[in-house]
Amino acid sequence: MRLCNNNCTAWFAYAWGDGSAQDYQPDPDIAGVGVIIAYVASSFFTLCFALAYWTLTASTSPDQNLIDYWVFWFLSKLQLFKRTHRVRHFWVPVIEKVMLNLSDQQLLTGLSVLIAGFATHCSISAYHFAIVSDLAWFSSNVHLSTLTVLEGYLLKERGVRNWRVVSIMCMGILLIANNAMQGHWAWSESWSFDAQCLFDNLTGNWGGRPGYWAEVNIALIVVFYPMQILLLFDTTSEFIDEWLWVKPLKRIEALRHLASWYRLTLATERKVEIEKEKTVGGGTDPSHAYGSQQNLIQSRRSTSIASTSDHIELTMMGAFRDGAEPSLRRPDTETRLEGRSQASGLENHDPRTQGPQLRRAPTLPVDAELSG
């Protein structure tokens, strides 16, 4: 359906190779130098304030992940901001108030440029419509970055958050429509012609490189815009942080430890193989060397057992010969026990009297008492 009375004969001739390109018509309200500088300058200052806020609050943020840690560590080494408690206490509230105004400015700027582009769709060229899209993307991305700074404030101020959510949804819808209208296969070659000519001929001609990038941009909007909106609510914010940051980073850390263990195992196996190769190269069979080592260990064990058995047998024979009770203790054990007895003296602790008592004298045999 034709919405404008544009003469698209020249564009049809050019698109199908029968005509020549037109000269570009200037539009200072969209592509003027002052307009571009104003957009870039406001976005640049917004990003600078956001960077300052992230640096000052890096050590106190509960949502810091591994990537944030390394980025903030690198920034702290540059010593651009001194993160003392006094500096943080003064500057963080100031930056939050400034960022609140800059965030609103970026949101309204993006919406205004998109509305202006759609309002002039009958007279705007494809080149200037593409500039409208670029400026809207620029403002949109900067605004989304400010939401990470204002997340805590917006979680508390629900009224301020709700109208911002509505504005973000409007910008996302306009961006999707803007990118969808640039999916014509001849879009990149038709910059000087009226954009409406391509809009009227879009059905059935979606494709090529412009169509591919339009699909990528739409996919990014569909994924990240709802995600950023959900982060402005308590329950969804915790859920997304858990499943998109904490758990994936834990899995990555586990895989890193597994890879380290695997490399260590391979290095150990390689070392064993090198030792075997050295043994074979020296003229010794590894299996024979292993068997010899086991035989040596078994021989040492047998010798120790035999010496212990001989000691027990000799001790028992001597004890029976002297008429005393045989002892199976080793000589060094007897020596240690005698030393302990001499060191403890004659006193022994009797639990019945709770006091020291003398040891009882050995009882004499009956024959000795009669003879006495």
Protein backbone atom coordinates (compact mmCIF):
# COMPACT_ATOMS: atom_id res chain seq x y z
CA MET A 1 0.00 0.00 0.00
CA ARG A 2 1.36 3.39 -1.03
CA LEU A 3 1.29 5.94 1.79
CA CYS A 4 2.94 8.82 -0.09
CA ASN A 5 2.83 10.20 -3.62
CA ASN A 6 6.53 9.77 -4.27
CA ASN A 7 7.78 9.41 -7.81
CA CYS A 8 9.82 6.22 -7.54
CA THR A 9 10.43 5.73 -11.28
CA ALA A 10 14.04 6.87 -11.01
CA TRP A 11 14.66 4.51 -8.10
CA PHE A 12 13.14 1.53 -9.93
CA ALA A 13 15.32 2.26 -12.94
CA TYR A 14 18.43 2.53 -10.78
CA ALA A 15 17.65 -0.57 -8.68
CA TRP A 16 17.24 -2.74 -11.78
CA GLY A 17 20.29 -1.30 -13.54
CA ASP A 18 18.62 0.99 -16.06
CA GLY A 19 19.27 4.36 -14.39
CA SER A 20 21.85 6.40 -12.50
CA ALA A 21 22.07 7.51 -8.88
CA GLN A 22 20.73 10.86 -7.75
CA ASP A 23 22.56 13.59 -5.90
CA TYR A 24 22.27 13.69 -2.12
CA GLN A 25 19.86 16.29 -0.76
CA PRO A 26 21.07 17.91 2.51
CA ASP A 27 18.94 17.76 5.65
CA PRO A 28 20.63 19.78 8.43
CA ASP A 29 17.85 19.01 10.92
CA ILE A 30 18.99 15.38 10.98
CA ALA A 31 22.53 15.21 9.64
CA GLY A 32 23.79 18.70 10.47
CA VAL A 33 27.17 19.10 12.15
CA GLY A 34 25.66 20.73 15.22
CA VAL A 35 23.12 17.92 15.64
CA ILE A 36 25.76 15.21 15.42
CA ILE A 37 28.09 17.02 17.85
CA ALA A 38 25.26 17.52 20.35
CA TYR A 39 24.36 13.82 20.27
CA VAL A 40 27.94 12.63 20.58
CA ALA A 41 28.88 15.11 23.32
CA SER A 42 25.88 14.31 25.53
CA SER A 43 26.45 10.59 25.14
CA PHE A 44 30.16 10.96 25.86
CA PHE A 45 29.59 12.87 29.11
CA THR A 46 26.96 10.35 30.17
CA LEU A 47 29.40 7.48 29.68
CA CYS A 48 32.11 9.36 31.61
CA PHE A 49 29.82 9.83 34.61
CA ALA A 50 28.74 6.19 34.43
CA LEU A 51 32.39 5.10 34.37
CA ALA A 52 33.17 7.30 37.38
CA TYR A 53 30.24 5.82 39.31
CA TRP A 54 31.26 2.23 38.50
CA THR A 55 34.81 2.92 39.61
CA LEU A 56 33.79 4.53 42.90
CA THR A 57 31.30 1.80 43.83
CA ALA A 58 33.28 -1.20 42.56
CA SER A 59 34.30 -2.46 46.03
CA THR A 60 30.80 -2.05 47.54
CA SER A 61 28.63 -3.52 44.79
CA PRO A 62 26.97 -6.85 45.74
CA ASP A 63 26.41 -7.75 42.07
CA GLN A 64 30.06 -7.71 41.05
CA ASN A 65 31.11 -10.60 38.86
CA LEU A 66 34.46 -11.79 37.59
CA ILE A 67 34.48 -9.51 34.54
CA ASP A 68 33.56 -6.50 36.69
CA TYR A 69 36.34 -7.35 39.12
CA TRP A 70 39.07 -7.35 36.47
CA VAL A 71 37.76 -4.19 34.77
CA PHE A 72 37.58 -2.27 38.05
CA TRP A 73 40.99 -3.57 39.08
CA PHE A 74 42.48 -2.23 35.83
CA LEU A 75 40.77 1.14 36.30
CA SER A 76 41.98 1.38 39.89
CA LYS A 77 45.55 0.87 38.70
CA LEU A 78 45.18 3.94 36.50
CA GLN A 79 44.46 5.96 39.67
CA LEU A 80 41.94 8.17 37.91
CA PHE A 81 39.68 8.10 40.95
CA LYS A 82 40.70 7.78 44.59
CA ARG A 83 38.17 5.45 46.15
CA THR A 84 38.47 6.58 49.76
CA HIS A 85 35.41 6.56 51.98
CA ARG A 86 35.28 10.35 52.09
CA VAL A 87 35.48 10.70 48.31
CA ARG A 88 32.88 7.97 47.78
CA HIS A 89 30.51 9.46 50.36
CA PHE A 90 30.60 12.84 48.61
CA TRP A 91 30.66 11.93 44.93
CA VAL A 92 28.33 8.92 44.68
CA PRO A 93 25.11 10.86 45.54
CA VAL A 94 26.18 13.70 43.25
CA ILE A 95 26.82 11.37 40.32
CA GLU A 96 23.52 9.57 40.88
CA LYS A 97 21.57 12.84 40.60
CA VAL A 98 23.49 13.90 37.49
CA MET A 99 23.03 10.46 35.93
CA LEU A 100 19.30 10.61 36.57
CA ASN A 101 19.04 13.76 34.42
CA LEU A 102 21.41 12.46 31.74
CA SER A 103 19.51 9.18 31.56
CA ASP A 104 16.24 10.99 30.96
CA GLN A 105 17.93 13.15 28.34
CA GLN A 106 19.19 10.11 26.41
CA LEU A 107 15.80 8.42 26.58
CA LEU A 108 13.91 11.47 25.34
CA THR A 109 16.53 12.18 22.68
CA GLY A 110 16.25 8.68 21.25
CA LEU A 111 12.47 8.81 21.23
CA SER A 112 12.40 12.25 19.62
CA VAL A 113 14.75 11.36 16.79
CA LEU A 114 12.80 8.17 16.01
CA ILE A 115 9.49 10.02 16.00
CA ALA A 116 10.98 12.70 13.74
CA GLY A 117 12.24 10.05 11.33
CA PHE A 118 8.86 8.34 11.06
CA ALA A 119 7.04 11.67 10.77
CA THR A 120 9.09 12.64 7.70
CA HIS A 121 9.11 9.20 6.04
CA CYS A 122 7.56 10.57 2.85
CA SER A 123 10.33 13.09 2.21
CA ILE A 124 13.37 11.67 4.01
CA SER A 125 16.04 9.91 2.00
CA ALA A 126 17.34 6.44 2.78
CA TYR A 127 20.66 7.98 3.86
CA HIS A 128 19.07 10.29 6.43
CA PHE A 129 16.74 7.54 7.64
CA ALA A 130 19.83 5.43 8.33
CA ILE A 131 21.35 8.35 10.30
CA VAL A 132 18.14 8.52 12.35
CA SER A 133 18.57 4.83 13.13
CA ASP A 134 22.21 5.30 14.14
CA LEU A 135 21.43 8.23 16.46
CA ALA A 136 18.58 6.29 18.04
CA TRP A 137 20.85 3.28 18.63
CA PHE A 138 23.47 5.55 20.15
CA SER A 139 21.02 7.13 22.59
CA SER A 140 19.41 3.79 23.39
CA ASN A 141 22.66 2.05 24.28
CA VAL A 142 23.86 4.93 26.44
CA HIS A 143 20.51 5.02 28.23
CA LEU A 144 20.68 1.28 28.95
CA SER A 145 24.14 1.77 30.46
CA THR A 146 22.76 4.43 32.80
CA LEU A 147 20.16 1.97 34.10
CA THR A 148 22.94 -0.12 35.64
CA VAL A 149 23.89 2.96 37.68
CA LEU A 150 20.32 3.88 38.61
CA GLU A 151 19.12 0.33 39.28
CA GLY A 152 19.15 0.71 43.07
CA TYR A 153 17.37 4.08 42.90
CA LEU A 154 14.70 2.82 40.51
CA LEU A 155 14.04 -0.27 42.63
CA LYS A 156 13.06 2.03 45.50
CA GLU A 157 11.22 4.71 43.48
CA ARG A 158 8.50 2.66 41.78
CA GLY A 159 6.64 5.60 40.28
CA VAL A 160 9.76 6.90 38.55
CA ARG A 161 10.60 3.37 37.44
CA ASN A 162 7.20 2.61 35.91
CA TRP A 163 7.06 5.53 33.49
CA ARG A 164 10.64 4.82 32.48
CA VAL A 165 9.72 1.21 31.73
CA VAL A 166 6.89 2.41 29.48
CA SER A 167 9.26 4.78 27.66
CA ILE A 168 11.86 2.04 27.21
CA MET A 169 9.24 -0.27 25.71
CA CYS A 170 8.16 2.47 23.29
CA MET A 171 11.75 3.02 22.20
CA GLY A 172 12.25 -0.71 21.69
CA ILE A 173 9.14 -0.98 19.49
CA LEU A 174 10.17 2.04 17.40
CA LEU A 175 13.68 0.63 17.00
CA ILE A 176 12.32 -2.70 15.79
CA ALA A 177 10.13 -0.95 13.21
CA ASN A 178 13.03 1.29 12.15
CA ASN A 179 15.34 -1.68 11.55
CA ALA A 180 12.65 -3.74 9.84
CA MET A 181 12.13 -0.96 7.29
CA GLN A 182 15.82 -1.15 6.34
CA GLY A 183 15.79 -4.84 5.33
CA HIS A 184 15.36 -4.25 1.59
CA TRP A 185 18.11 -5.94 -0.41
CA ALA A 186 18.81 -2.66 -2.32
CA TRP A 187 18.90 -0.45 0.78
CA SER A 188 22.67 0.12 0.83
CA GLU A 189 22.74 1.08 -2.87
CA SER A 190 19.79 3.48 -2.66
CA TRP A 191 21.00 6.10 -0.19
CA SER A 192 20.16 9.12 -2.32
CA PHE A 193 16.58 8.04 -3.12
CA ASP A 194 13.44 8.50 -1.05
CA ALA A 195 13.21 5.94 1.72
CA GLN A 196 9.48 5.56 1.08
CA CYS A 197 10.19 4.01 -2.31
CA LEU A 198 11.95 1.12 -0.57
CA PHE A 199 9.25 0.90 2.10
CA ASP A 200 6.56 0.47 -0.55
CA ASN A 201 8.60 -2.25 -2.26
CA LEU A 202 9.71 -4.06 0.89
CA THR A 203 7.31 -7.01 0.65
CA GLY A 204 9.05 -9.88 -1.10
CA ASN A 205 12.37 -8.02 -1.33
CA TRP A 206 13.67 -8.58 2.18
CA GLY A 207 17.13 -10.11 2.11
CA GLY A 208 20.77 -9.59 1.24
CA ARG A 209 23.23 -7.98 3.60
CA PRO A 210 20.74 -5.28 4.78
CA GLY A 211 18.19 -7.96 5.63
CA TYR A 212 20.77 -9.96 7.59
CA TRP A 213 21.83 -6.99 9.74
CA ALA A 214 18.21 -5.96 10.26
CA GLU A 215 17.51 -9.43 11.68
CA VAL A 216 20.56 -9.23 13.96
CA ASN A 217 19.52 -5.82 15.30
CA ILE A 218 15.96 -6.94 15.91
CA ALA A 219 17.19 -10.04 17.76
CA LEU A 220 19.38 -7.88 20.01
CA ILE A 221 16.45 -5.63 20.85
CA VAL A 222 14.12 -8.55 21.56
CA VAL A 223 16.65 -10.19 23.90
CA PHE A 224 18.28 -7.33 25.78
CA TYR A 225 15.46 -4.83 26.16
CA PRO A 226 13.18 -7.19 28.14
CA MET A 227 16.18 -8.34 30.16
CA GLN A 228 17.06 -4.78 31.14
CA ILE A 229 13.45 -4.04 32.02
CA LEU A 230 13.22 -7.14 34.23
CA LEU A 231 16.35 -6.07 36.10
CA LEU A 232 14.42 -3.06 37.40
CA PHE A 233 12.23 -5.38 39.49
CA ASP A 234 13.43 -7.14 42.66
CA THR A 235 12.59 -10.81 42.05
CA THR A 236 13.55 -10.93 38.40
CA SER A 237 16.77 -9.04 39.10
CA GLU A 238 17.92 -11.68 41.58
CA PHE A 239 16.85 -14.51 39.27
CA ILE A 240 18.68 -13.11 36.24
CA ASP A 241 21.83 -12.39 38.24
CA GLU A 242 21.83 -15.95 39.57
CA TRP A 243 21.30 -17.73 36.25
CA LEU A 244 23.09 -15.40 33.84
CA TRP A 245 26.11 -14.41 35.95
CA VAL A 246 26.71 -16.44 39.12
CA LYS A 247 26.00 -19.96 37.89
CA PRO A 248 27.75 -19.59 34.49
CA LEU A 249 30.85 -18.19 36.19
CA LYS A 250 30.86 -21.11 38.63
CA ARG A 251 30.66 -23.54 35.71
CA ILE A 252 33.53 -21.78 33.99
CA GLU A 253 35.62 -21.97 37.17
CA ALA A 254 34.87 -25.70 37.51
CA LEU A 255 35.87 -26.30 33.89
CA ARG A 256 39.09 -24.39 34.47
CA HIS A 257 39.99 -26.60 37.45
CA LEU A 258 39.12 -29.71 35.42
CA ALA A 259 41.38 -28.56 32.59
CA SER A 260 44.22 -27.96 35.07
CA TRP A 261 43.79 -31.45 36.53
CA TYR A 262 43.75 -32.96 33.03
CA ARG A 263 46.95 -31.14 32.06
CA LEU A 264 48.63 -32.32 35.27
CA THR A 265 47.58 -35.92 34.56
CA LEU A 266 48.97 -35.76 31.04
CA ALA A 267 52.24 -34.30 32.33
CA THR A 268 52.56 -37.09 34.92
CA GLU A 269 51.89 -39.81 32.36
CA ARG A 270 54.41 -38.26 30.00
CA LYS A 271 57.02 -38.20 32.76
CA VAL A 272 56.45 -41.90 33.47
CA GLU A 273 56.83 -42.71 29.78
CA ILE A 274 60.10 -40.77 29.63
CA GLU A 275 61.44 -42.69 32.64
CA LYS A 276 60.52 -45.99 30.99
CA GLU A 277 62.24 -44.93 27.78
CA LYS A 278 65.38 -44.05 29.73
CA THR A 279 65.30 -47.43 31.48
CA VAL A 280 64.90 -49.30 28.19
CA GLY A 281 67.65 -47.25 26.61
CA GLY A 282 70.03 -48.19 29.45
CA GLY A 283 69.69 -51.91 28.66
CA THR A 284 67.37 -52.82 31.52
CA ASP A 285 63.95 -54.30 31.03
CA PRO A 286 61.41 -52.21 32.98
CA SER A 287 59.43 -55.28 34.02
CA HIS A 288 62.60 -57.00 35.19
CA ALA A 289 63.65 -53.92 37.14
CA TYR A 290 60.26 -53.70 38.75
CA GLY A 291 60.38 -57.41 39.64
CA SER A 292 63.85 -57.04 41.15
CA GLN A 293 62.66 -54.16 43.29
CA GLN A 294 59.72 -56.21 44.57
CA ASN A 295 62.01 -59.17 45.32
CA LEU A 296 64.33 -56.88 47.31
CA ILE A 297 61.43 -55.58 49.38
CA GLN A 298 60.17 -59.14 50.04
CA SER A 299 63.66 -60.28 51.05
CA ARG A 300 63.98 -57.45 53.56
CA ARG A 301 60.62 -58.32 55.04
CA SER A 302 61.57 -62.04 55.38
CA THR A 303 64.88 -61.16 57.08
CA SER A 304 63.11 -58.91 59.58
CA ILE A 305 60.54 -61.61 60.40
CA ALA A 306 63.24 -64.29 60.81
CA SER A 307 65.32 -62.14 63.17
CA THR A 308 62.25 -61.37 65.27
CA SER A 309 61.35 -65.09 65.49
CA ASP A 310 64.92 -66.02 66.55
CA HIS A 311 64.83 -63.36 69.26
CA ILE A 312 61.51 -64.67 70.64
CA GLU A 313 62.76 -68.27 70.65
CA LEU A 314 66.04 -67.44 72.43
CA THR A 315 64.27 -65.29 75.01
CA MET A 316 61.81 -68.05 75.86
CA MET A 317 64.55 -70.70 76.13
CA GLY A 318 66.59 -68.52 78.49
CA ALA A 319 63.59 -67.72 80.63
CA PHE A 320 62.59 -71.35 81.07
CA ARG A 321 66.16 -72.27 81.87
CA ASP A 322 66.31 -69.67 84.68
CA GLY A 323 62.86 -70.58 86.03
CA ALA A 324 61.38 -67.12 85.38
CA GLU A 325 58.34 -66.16 83.39
CA PRO A 326 59.24 -65.69 79.74
CA SER A 327 58.82 -62.25 78.17
CA LEU A 328 58.11 -61.64 74.51
CA ARG A 329 59.25 -58.04 74.59
CA ARG A 330 62.20 -56.99 72.51
CA PRO A 331 65.40 -56.01 74.37
CA ASP A 332 65.04 -52.36 73.51
CA THR A 333 61.48 -52.43 74.90
CA GLU A 334 62.74 -53.94 78.16
CA THR A 335 65.40 -51.24 78.41
CA ARG A 336 62.83 -48.47 77.93
CA LEU A 337 60.52 -49.97 80.54
CA GLU A 338 63.34 -50.30 83.07
CA GLY A 339 64.31 -46.68 82.48
CA ARG A 340 60.76 -45.55 83.09
CA SER A 341 60.58 -47.57 86.32
CA GLN A 342 63.80 -46.05 87.64
CA ALA A 343 62.66 -42.57 86.72
CA SER A 344 59.31 -42.96 88.45
CA GLY A 345 60.90 -44.08 91.78
CA LEU A 346 59.30 -46.26 94.40
CA GLU A 347 56.14 -44.25 94.73
CA ASN A 348 53.02 -45.49 93.07
CA HIS A 349 49.59 -43.82 92.95
CA ASP A 350 46.90 -45.83 94.70
CA PRO A 351 43.38 -44.79 93.64
CA ARG A 352 41.84 -46.09 96.88
CA THR A 353 43.86 -43.83 99.19
CA GLN A 354 44.55 -41.01 96.72
CA GLY A 355 48.09 -40.84 98.02
CA PRO A 356 51.55 -42.23 97.34
CA GLN A 357 52.32 -45.70 98.69
CA LEU A 358 55.40 -47.90 98.70
CA ARG A 359 55.48 -50.91 96.48
CA ARG A 360 54.97 -54.22 98.24
CA ALA A 361 58.04 -56.34 98.72
CA PRO A 362 58.19 -59.50 96.65
CA THR A 363 56.67 -62.52 98.40
CA LEU A 364 59.20 -65.24 99.30
CA PRO A 365 58.51 -68.87 98.48
CA VAL A 366 57.20 -71.14 101.29
CA ASP A 367 60.45 -73.14 101.46
CA ALA A 368 62.42 -69.97 102.04
CA GLU A 369 60.16 -68.92 104.95
CA LEU A 370 60.48 -72.34 106.65
CA SER A 371 64.21 -72.34 106.27
CA GLY A 372 64.36 -68.85 107.77
